[in-house]
Amino acid sequence: RAFQKPSDKPERYTDANGIVTTVATVNNEGVCGEYVNSLGDRGDDVWSKRAEWTMLNGTKEGDDISILIIDSKSNPNFPAWSHARGYGLFAVNNMGGREFDRSLPEPAGYTLAPGQTVTFTYKIVIKSNGFLTSEQAAAIARDFNK
Protein backbone atom coordinates (compact mmCIF):
# COMPACT_ATOMS: atom_id res chain seq x y z
CA ARG A 1 0.00 0.00 0.00
CA ALA A 2 3.02 2.31 0.15
CA PHE A 3 2.33 3.44 -3.41
CA GLN A 4 -1.33 4.27 -2.87
CA LYS A 5 -2.48 7.83 -2.26
CA PRO A 6 -3.46 8.52 1.35
CA SER A 7 -7.23 8.74 1.74
CA ASP A 8 -9.08 10.91 4.25
CA LYS A 9 -12.65 10.21 3.16
CA PRO A 10 -14.75 7.45 1.64
CA GLU A 11 -14.06 7.02 -2.08
CA ARG A 12 -16.38 5.93 -4.89
CA TYR A 13 -14.96 3.97 -7.81
CA THR A 14 -16.80 3.11 -11.01
CA ASP A 15 -15.69 0.08 -13.00
CA ALA A 16 -15.93 -0.46 -16.76
CA ASN A 17 -19.50 -1.74 -16.36
CA GLY A 18 -20.63 1.36 -14.47
CA ILE A 19 -20.83 -0.44 -11.13
CA VAL A 20 -19.95 1.89 -8.25
CA THR A 21 -18.01 0.60 -5.25
CA THR A 22 -17.72 2.78 -2.14
CA VAL A 23 -14.63 2.26 0.01
CA ALA A 24 -14.67 3.61 3.56
CA THR A 25 -11.75 5.61 4.89
CA VAL A 26 -8.86 3.28 5.64
CA ASN A 27 -5.79 3.33 7.85
CA ASN A 28 -3.19 5.46 6.02
CA GLU A 29 -0.18 4.24 7.96
CA GLY A 30 2.66 3.79 5.45
CA VAL A 31 0.50 5.08 2.58
CA CYS A 32 2.31 7.91 0.77
CA GLY A 33 2.07 7.41 -3.00
CA GLU A 34 2.13 10.44 -5.28
CA TYR A 35 1.78 10.62 -9.06
CA VAL A 36 3.65 13.16 -11.20
CA ASN A 37 3.65 13.54 -14.99
CA SER A 38 5.66 15.34 -17.67
CA LEU A 39 3.08 18.15 -17.75
CA GLY A 40 3.73 19.00 -14.10
CA ASP A 41 0.43 17.55 -12.88
CA ARG A 42 0.47 15.90 -9.47
CA GLY A 43 -1.78 13.55 -7.53
CA ASP A 44 -5.29 13.03 -8.90
CA ASP A 45 -4.68 15.60 -11.65
CA VAL A 46 -2.47 13.06 -13.46
CA TRP A 47 -5.50 10.87 -14.32
CA SER A 48 -6.40 10.86 -18.03
CA LYS A 49 -3.75 13.39 -19.07
CA ARG A 50 -1.67 12.77 -22.19
CA ALA A 51 1.92 12.85 -21.01
CA GLU A 52 5.28 11.65 -22.32
CA TRP A 53 6.00 10.11 -18.93
CA THR A 54 4.17 9.37 -15.69
CA MET A 55 5.86 8.62 -12.39
CA LEU A 56 4.73 7.17 -9.07
CA ASN A 57 6.72 7.92 -5.92
CA GLY A 58 6.34 6.19 -2.58
CA THR A 59 8.30 5.24 0.51
CA LYS A 60 8.44 1.57 1.46
CA GLU A 61 10.29 0.36 4.54
CA GLY A 62 12.14 3.69 4.72
CA ASP A 63 13.29 3.59 1.10
CA ASP A 64 12.16 6.34 -1.31
CA ILE A 65 11.23 4.63 -4.58
CA SER A 66 10.20 6.03 -7.98
CA ILE A 67 8.49 4.04 -10.72
CA LEU A 68 8.63 5.81 -14.08
CA ILE A 69 6.74 4.81 -17.25
CA ILE A 70 7.86 6.51 -20.47
CA ASP A 71 5.86 6.31 -23.69
CA SER A 72 7.74 5.94 -26.98
CA LYS A 73 7.14 8.60 -29.60
CA SER A 74 6.97 5.71 -32.10
CA ASN A 75 3.79 4.37 -30.47
CA PRO A 76 0.42 5.04 -32.09
CA ASN A 77 -1.40 7.95 -30.41
CA PHE A 78 1.72 9.23 -28.61
CA PRO A 79 1.69 10.59 -25.97
CA ALA A 80 -0.29 8.03 -24.01
CA TRP A 81 -3.06 8.81 -21.56
CA SER A 82 -2.07 8.37 -17.92
CA HIS A 83 -4.04 5.60 -16.27
CA ALA A 84 -3.26 6.37 -12.64
CA ARG A 85 -5.58 6.30 -9.64
CA GLY A 86 -4.89 6.85 -5.97
CA TYR A 87 -5.82 3.28 -5.05
CA GLY A 88 -2.72 2.00 -6.86
CA LEU A 89 -3.73 1.63 -10.51
CA PHE A 90 -0.70 2.73 -12.54
CA ALA A 91 -0.34 2.32 -16.31
CA VAL A 92 -0.39 4.28 -19.54
CA ASN A 93 -2.83 3.69 -22.38
CA ASN A 94 -2.24 4.70 -25.99
CA MET A 95 -5.73 3.61 -27.01
CA GLY A 96 -7.69 5.32 -24.24
CA GLY A 97 -8.74 8.34 -26.26
CA ARG A 98 -12.35 9.29 -25.77
CA GLU A 99 -12.61 7.12 -22.66
CA PHE A 100 -10.35 9.69 -21.02
CA ASP A 101 -11.38 12.79 -22.95
CA ARG A 102 -15.04 12.98 -23.99
CA SER A 103 -14.31 16.08 -26.10
CA LEU A 104 -12.50 13.95 -28.70
CA PRO A 105 -14.62 13.42 -31.83
CA GLU A 106 -13.93 9.69 -32.01
CA PRO A 107 -12.16 6.96 -30.07
CA ALA A 108 -8.39 6.70 -30.37
CA GLY A 109 -7.54 3.68 -32.40
CA TYR A 110 -5.19 2.06 -34.79
CA THR A 111 -6.21 -0.02 -37.78
CA LEU A 112 -4.22 -3.08 -38.74
CA ALA A 113 -4.53 -4.67 -42.16
CA PRO A 114 -4.68 -8.48 -42.25
CA GLY A 115 -1.21 -9.83 -41.48
CA GLN A 116 0.08 -6.45 -40.27
CA THR A 117 1.53 -6.11 -36.78
CA VAL A 118 2.18 -3.25 -34.41
CA THR A 119 4.61 -3.04 -31.50
CA PHE A 120 4.15 -0.73 -28.53
CA THR A 121 7.35 0.29 -26.77
CA TYR A 122 7.74 1.74 -23.28
CA LYS A 123 10.58 2.25 -20.86
CA ILE A 124 10.00 1.45 -17.20
CA VAL A 125 12.51 2.71 -14.64
CA ILE A 126 12.42 1.69 -10.99
CA LYS A 127 14.76 3.69 -8.79
CA SER A 128 15.34 3.17 -5.08
CA ASN A 129 17.48 5.05 -2.54
CA GLY A 130 15.85 8.40 -3.37
CA PHE A 131 13.10 9.69 -5.62
CA LEU A 132 13.74 10.71 -9.22
CA THR A 133 13.18 14.41 -9.77
CA SER A 134 10.97 15.59 -12.62
CA GLU A 135 14.12 16.89 -14.31
CA GLN A 136 15.77 13.46 -14.08
CA ALA A 137 12.62 11.78 -15.43
CA ALA A 138 12.52 14.24 -18.34
CA ALA A 139 16.19 13.57 -19.15
CA ILE A 140 15.63 9.80 -19.15
CA ALA A 141 12.59 10.27 -21.42
CA ARG A 142 14.53 12.52 -23.82
CA ASP A 143 17.30 9.94 -24.05
CA PHE A 144 14.78 7.13 -24.63
CA ASN A 145 12.97 9.05 -27.37
CA LYS A 146 16.06 10.21 -29.33
Foldseek 3Di string as FASTA:
>chain_A
DQQFDQDDAWDWDQDPVRDIDIDGHDDCVNHHKKKAFLVGDIRPVLAFDQGQKMKIWGADPNKIKIKMKGWEPPDQQPRWTFHDHRGGDGDTHSFCACVSPVVDPDTRDDDDDVPDDDDTDMDIDMDIRDYDDSVNSVVVNVVVHD
